[in-house]
Amino acid sequence: MELARTSHELGRLVREHRESLGWTQAELAHRAVVSERWVSVLERGHPNAQLAPVRAVLRALGLELAVTPIPPRDTTLEDIVAGYAS
């Protein structure tokens, strides 16, 4: 699972997944029922993207939005791995 902590990271992940499927922005827009311009704006990391169209694009790509807690700054990698194992 990849995490997107910023709008730019989300845009990059959407673009990479779209390209891995061999889709154009127009094809993704058609499948998500949004405009091609909106897909372009999302992929460029626009910070004010509305949630409903974001979810539609992710759903069209076979992805979902998940909300996860941010680990405390003093958490080690071992702590995180142990948490996923339990």
C-alpha atoms as a PDB file:
ATOM      1  CA  MET A   1       0.000   0.000   0.000  1.00  0.00           C
ATOM      2  CA  GLU A   2       1.309   3.427  -0.920  1.00  0.00           C
ATOM      3  CA  LEU A   3       0.536   6.471   1.172  1.00  0.00           C
ATOM      4  CA  ALA A   4      -0.178   9.893  -0.239  1.00  0.00           C
ATOM      5  CA  ARG A   5       0.381  12.506   2.424  1.00  0.00           C
ATOM      6  CA  THR A   6       0.088  15.531   0.147  1.00  0.00           C
ATOM      7  CA  SER A   7      -2.026  16.496  -2.837  1.00  0.00           C
ATOM      8  CA  HIS A   8       1.080  16.223  -5.028  1.00  0.00           C
ATOM      9  CA  GLU A   9       1.734  12.661  -3.838  1.00  0.00           C
ATOM     10  CA  LEU A  10      -1.911  11.749  -4.503  1.00  0.00           C
ATOM     11  CA  GLY A  11      -1.663  13.198  -7.991  1.00  0.00           C
ATOM     12  CA  ARG A  12       1.530  11.262  -8.667  1.00  0.00           C
ATOM     13  CA  LEU A  13      -0.040   8.011  -7.481  1.00  0.00           C
ATOM     14  CA  VAL A  14      -3.132   8.559  -9.642  1.00  0.00           C
ATOM     15  CA  ARG A  15      -0.997   9.334 -12.708  1.00  0.00           C
ATOM     16  CA  GLU A  16       1.291   6.332 -12.143  1.00  0.00           C
ATOM     17  CA  HIS A  17      -1.638   3.957 -11.696  1.00  0.00           C
ATOM     18  CA  ARG A  18      -3.447   5.369 -14.732  1.00  0.00           C
ATOM     19  CA  GLU A  19      -0.324   4.974 -16.855  1.00  0.00           C
ATOM     20  CA  SER A  20       0.249   1.424 -15.566  1.00  0.00           C
ATOM     21  CA  LEU A  21      -3.220   0.584 -16.924  1.00  0.00           C
ATOM     22  CA  GLY A  22      -2.322   2.160 -20.268  1.00  0.00           C
ATOM     23  CA  TRP A  23      -5.129   4.710 -19.966  1.00  0.00           C
ATOM     24  CA  THR A  24      -5.135   8.289 -21.177  1.00  0.00           C
ATOM     25  CA  GLN A  25      -6.463  11.068 -19.000  1.00  0.00           C
ATOM     26  CA  ALA A  26      -9.505  11.146 -21.285  1.00  0.00           C
ATOM     27  CA  GLU A  27     -10.192   7.448 -20.736  1.00  0.00           C
ATOM     28  CA  LEU A  28      -9.889   7.790 -16.963  1.00  0.00           C
ATOM     29  CA  ALA A  29     -12.149  10.842 -17.024  1.00  0.00           C
ATOM     30  CA  HIS A  30     -14.776   8.923 -19.004  1.00  0.00           C
ATOM     31  CA  ARG A  31     -14.657   5.960 -16.614  1.00  0.00           C
ATOM     32  CA  ALA A  32     -14.848   8.213 -13.529  1.00  0.00           C
ATOM     33  CA  VAL A  33     -17.493  10.501 -15.052  1.00  0.00           C
ATOM     34  CA  VAL A  34     -15.389  13.622 -14.509  1.00  0.00           C
ATOM     35  CA  SER A  35     -13.821  16.011 -17.012  1.00  0.00           C
ATOM     36  CA  GLU A  36     -10.423  15.384 -18.545  1.00  0.00           C
ATOM     37  CA  ARG A  37      -9.381  18.809 -17.228  1.00  0.00           C
ATOM     38  CA  TRP A  38     -10.316  17.696 -13.706  1.00  0.00           C
ATOM     39  CA  VAL A  39      -8.112  14.578 -14.018  1.00  0.00           C
ATOM     40  CA  SER A  40      -5.258  16.801 -15.199  1.00  0.00           C
ATOM     41  CA  VAL A  41      -5.724  19.144 -12.228  1.00  0.00           C
ATOM     42  CA  LEU A  42      -5.797  16.195  -9.799  1.00  0.00           C
ATOM     43  CA  GLU A  43      -2.645  14.671 -11.297  1.00  0.00           C
ATOM     44  CA  ARG A  44      -0.855  18.017 -10.942  1.00  0.00           C
ATOM     45  CA  GLY A  45      -1.590  17.926  -7.211  1.00  0.00           C
ATOM     46  CA  HIS A  46      -4.142  20.710  -6.890  1.00  0.00           C
ATOM     47  CA  PRO A  47      -4.638  21.120  -3.140  1.00  0.00           C
ATOM     48  CA  ASN A  48      -8.366  21.919  -3.292  1.00  0.00           C
ATOM     49  CA  ALA A  49      -9.706  18.871  -5.123  1.00  0.00           C
ATOM     50  CA  GLN A  50     -13.215  17.908  -4.005  1.00  0.00           C
ATOM     51  CA  LEU A  51     -13.548  14.560  -2.294  1.00  0.00           C
ATOM     52  CA  ALA A  52     -16.407  13.063  -4.367  1.00  0.00           C
ATOM     53  CA  PRO A  53     -14.571  13.327  -7.717  1.00  0.00           C
ATOM     54  CA  VAL A  54     -11.344  12.093  -6.081  1.00  0.00           C
ATOM     55  CA  ARG A  55     -13.200   9.020  -4.864  1.00  0.00           C
ATOM     56  CA  ALA A  56     -14.730   8.510  -8.328  1.00  0.00           C
ATOM     57  CA  VAL A  57     -11.299   8.610  -9.975  1.00  0.00           C
ATOM     58  CA  LEU A  58      -9.821   6.243  -7.402  1.00  0.00           C
ATOM     59  CA  ARG A  59     -12.760   3.858  -7.803  1.00  0.00           C
ATOM     60  CA  ALA A  60     -12.327   3.899 -11.602  1.00  0.00           C
ATOM     61  CA  LEU A  61      -8.672   2.939 -11.078  1.00  0.00           C
ATOM     62  CA  GLY A  62      -9.615   0.124  -8.702  1.00  0.00           C
ATOM     63  CA  LEU A  63      -8.260   2.031  -5.701  1.00  0.00           C
ATOM     64  CA  GLU A  64      -9.847   3.297  -2.515  1.00  0.00           C
ATOM     65  CA  LEU A  65      -9.280   6.080  -0.059  1.00  0.00           C
ATOM     66  CA  ALA A  66      -8.230   4.958   3.427  1.00  0.00           C
ATOM     67  CA  VAL A  67      -7.784   7.006   6.567  1.00  0.00           C
ATOM     68  CA  THR A  68      -5.020   5.793   8.860  1.00  0.00           C
ATOM     69  CA  PRO A  69      -3.552   7.159  12.078  1.00  0.00           C
ATOM     70  CA  ILE A  70      -0.281   9.021  11.828  1.00  0.00           C
ATOM     71  CA  PRO A  71       2.349   7.210  13.924  1.00  0.00           C
ATOM     72  CA  PRO A  72       3.859   9.297  16.742  1.00  0.00           C
ATOM     73  CA  ARG A  73       7.224  10.810  15.861  1.00  0.00           C
ATOM     74  CA  ASP A  74       9.031   8.555  18.348  1.00  0.00           C
ATOM     75  CA  THR A  75       7.643   5.396  16.735  1.00  0.00           C
ATOM     76  CA  THR A  76      10.312   3.206  15.192  1.00  0.00           C
ATOM     77  CA  LEU A  77      10.016   1.217  11.973  1.00  0.00           C
ATOM     78  CA  GLU A  78      10.030  -1.940  14.085  1.00  0.00           C
ATOM     79  CA  ASP A  79       7.014  -0.631  16.044  1.00  0.00           C
ATOM     80  CA  ILE A  80       5.111   0.012  12.818  1.00  0.00           C
ATOM     81  CA  VAL A  81       5.943  -3.417  11.362  1.00  0.00           C
ATOM     82  CA  ALA A  82       4.944  -5.096  14.623  1.00  0.00           C
ATOM     83  CA  GLY A  83       1.629  -3.222  14.554  1.00  0.00           C
ATOM     84  CA  TYR A  84       0.841  -4.516  11.056  1.00  0.00           C
ATOM     85  CA  ALA A  85       1.755  -8.072  12.071  1.00  0.00           C
ATOM     86  CA  SER A  86      -0.750  -8.125  14.947  1.00  0.00           C
END
